[in-house]
């Protein structure tokens, strides 16, 4: 999942990213003035992993 973190961290406004094979998830904290869920999803999907659900806190 390092490739997921690597691609997500290329985006502007990423504050923190974690990805887990074991949990089959990724958690990303970001500034929504710099990036958005669509861009993060695109970055994750480009690695071969697929985003199937998003949640905002």
C-alpha atoms as a PDB file:
ATOM      1  CA  UNK A   1       0.000   0.000   0.000  1.00  0.00           C
ATOM      2  CA  UNK A   2       3.037   2.259  -0.053  1.00  0.00           C
ATOM      3  CA  UNK A   3       2.193   3.070  -3.673  1.00  0.00           C
ATOM      4  CA  UNK A   4      -1.198   4.403  -2.538  1.00  0.00           C
ATOM      5  CA  UNK A   5       0.423   6.679   0.033  1.00  0.00           C
ATOM      6  CA  UNK A   6       3.010   7.778  -2.512  1.00  0.00           C
ATOM      7  CA  UNK A   7       0.407   8.773  -5.126  1.00  0.00           C
ATOM      8  CA  UNK A   8      -1.877  10.491  -2.614  1.00  0.00           C
ATOM      9  CA  UNK A   9       1.025  12.427  -1.104  1.00  0.00           C
ATOM     10  CA  UNK A  10       1.815  13.896  -4.537  1.00  0.00           C
ATOM     11  CA  UNK A  11      -1.380  15.966  -4.266  1.00  0.00           C
ATOM     12  CA  UNK A  12      -1.314  19.447  -2.782  1.00  0.00           C
ATOM     13  CA  UNK A  13      -3.098  19.845   0.531  1.00  0.00           C
ATOM     14  CA  UNK A  14      -2.534  16.333   1.892  1.00  0.00           C
ATOM     15  CA  UNK A  15      -1.951  16.572   5.631  1.00  0.00           C
ATOM     16  CA  UNK A  16      -1.709  12.857   6.465  1.00  0.00           C
ATOM     17  CA  UNK A  17      -2.224   9.548   4.680  1.00  0.00           C
ATOM     18  CA  UNK A  18      -2.313   5.980   5.925  1.00  0.00           C
ATOM     19  CA  UNK A  19      -3.023   2.819   3.962  1.00  0.00           C
ATOM     20  CA  UNK A  20      -3.417  -0.734   5.258  1.00  0.00           C
ATOM     21  CA  UNK A  21      -3.457  -4.013   3.327  1.00  0.00           C
ATOM     22  CA  UNK A  22      -4.656  -5.802   6.442  1.00  0.00           C
ATOM     23  CA  UNK A  23      -7.641  -3.490   6.946  1.00  0.00           C
ATOM     24  CA  UNK A  24      -8.123  -2.975   3.192  1.00  0.00           C
ATOM     25  CA  UNK A  25      -8.514   0.767   3.649  1.00  0.00           C
ATOM     26  CA  UNK A  26      -6.835   4.125   3.392  1.00  0.00           C
ATOM     27  CA  UNK A  27      -7.375   7.206   5.523  1.00  0.00           C
ATOM     28  CA  UNK A  28      -6.450  10.637   4.197  1.00  0.00           C
ATOM     29  CA  UNK A  29      -6.563  13.998   5.918  1.00  0.00           C
ATOM     30  CA  UNK A  30      -6.527  16.931   3.527  1.00  0.00           C
ATOM     31  CA  UNK A  31      -7.239  20.626   3.130  1.00  0.00           C
ATOM     32  CA  UNK A  32     -10.333  20.838   0.970  1.00  0.00           C
ATOM     33  CA  UNK A  33      -9.187  24.223  -0.282  1.00  0.00           C
ATOM     34  CA  UNK A  34      -6.235  22.490  -1.994  1.00  0.00           C
ATOM     35  CA  UNK A  35      -7.641  19.123  -3.167  1.00  0.00           C
ATOM     36  CA  UNK A  36     -10.836  17.073  -3.040  1.00  0.00           C
ATOM     37  CA  UNK A  37     -12.172  13.541  -2.776  1.00  0.00           C
ATOM     38  CA  UNK A  38     -12.377  13.157  -6.551  1.00  0.00           C
ATOM     39  CA  UNK A  39      -8.654  13.913  -6.945  1.00  0.00           C
ATOM     40  CA  UNK A  40      -7.721  11.601  -4.068  1.00  0.00           C
ATOM     41  CA  UNK A  41      -9.904   8.833  -5.521  1.00  0.00           C
ATOM     42  CA  UNK A  42      -8.257   9.299  -8.918  1.00  0.00           C
ATOM     43  CA  UNK A  43      -4.790   9.044  -7.345  1.00  0.00           C
ATOM     44  CA  UNK A  44      -5.694   5.856  -5.453  1.00  0.00           C
ATOM     45  CA  UNK A  45      -7.370   4.249  -8.471  1.00  0.00           C
ATOM     46  CA  UNK A  46      -4.269   4.979 -10.578  1.00  0.00           C
ATOM     47  CA  UNK A  47      -2.318   2.515  -8.406  1.00  0.00           C
ATOM     48  CA  UNK A  48      -4.567  -0.413  -9.307  1.00  0.00           C
ATOM     49  CA  UNK A  49      -6.484  -0.301  -6.038  1.00  0.00           C
ATOM     50  CA  UNK A  50     -10.099   0.835  -6.262  1.00  0.00           C
ATOM     51  CA  UNK A  51     -11.992   3.221  -4.022  1.00  0.00           C
ATOM     52  CA  UNK A  52     -15.397   1.685  -3.287  1.00  0.00           C
ATOM     53  CA  UNK A  53     -16.577   3.941  -0.462  1.00  0.00           C
ATOM     54  CA  UNK A  54     -15.717   7.348   0.933  1.00  0.00           C
ATOM     55  CA  UNK A  55     -16.544   8.825   4.326  1.00  0.00           C
ATOM     56  CA  UNK A  56     -16.021  12.357   5.555  1.00  0.00           C
ATOM     57  CA  UNK A  57     -15.494  13.226   9.193  1.00  0.00           C
END
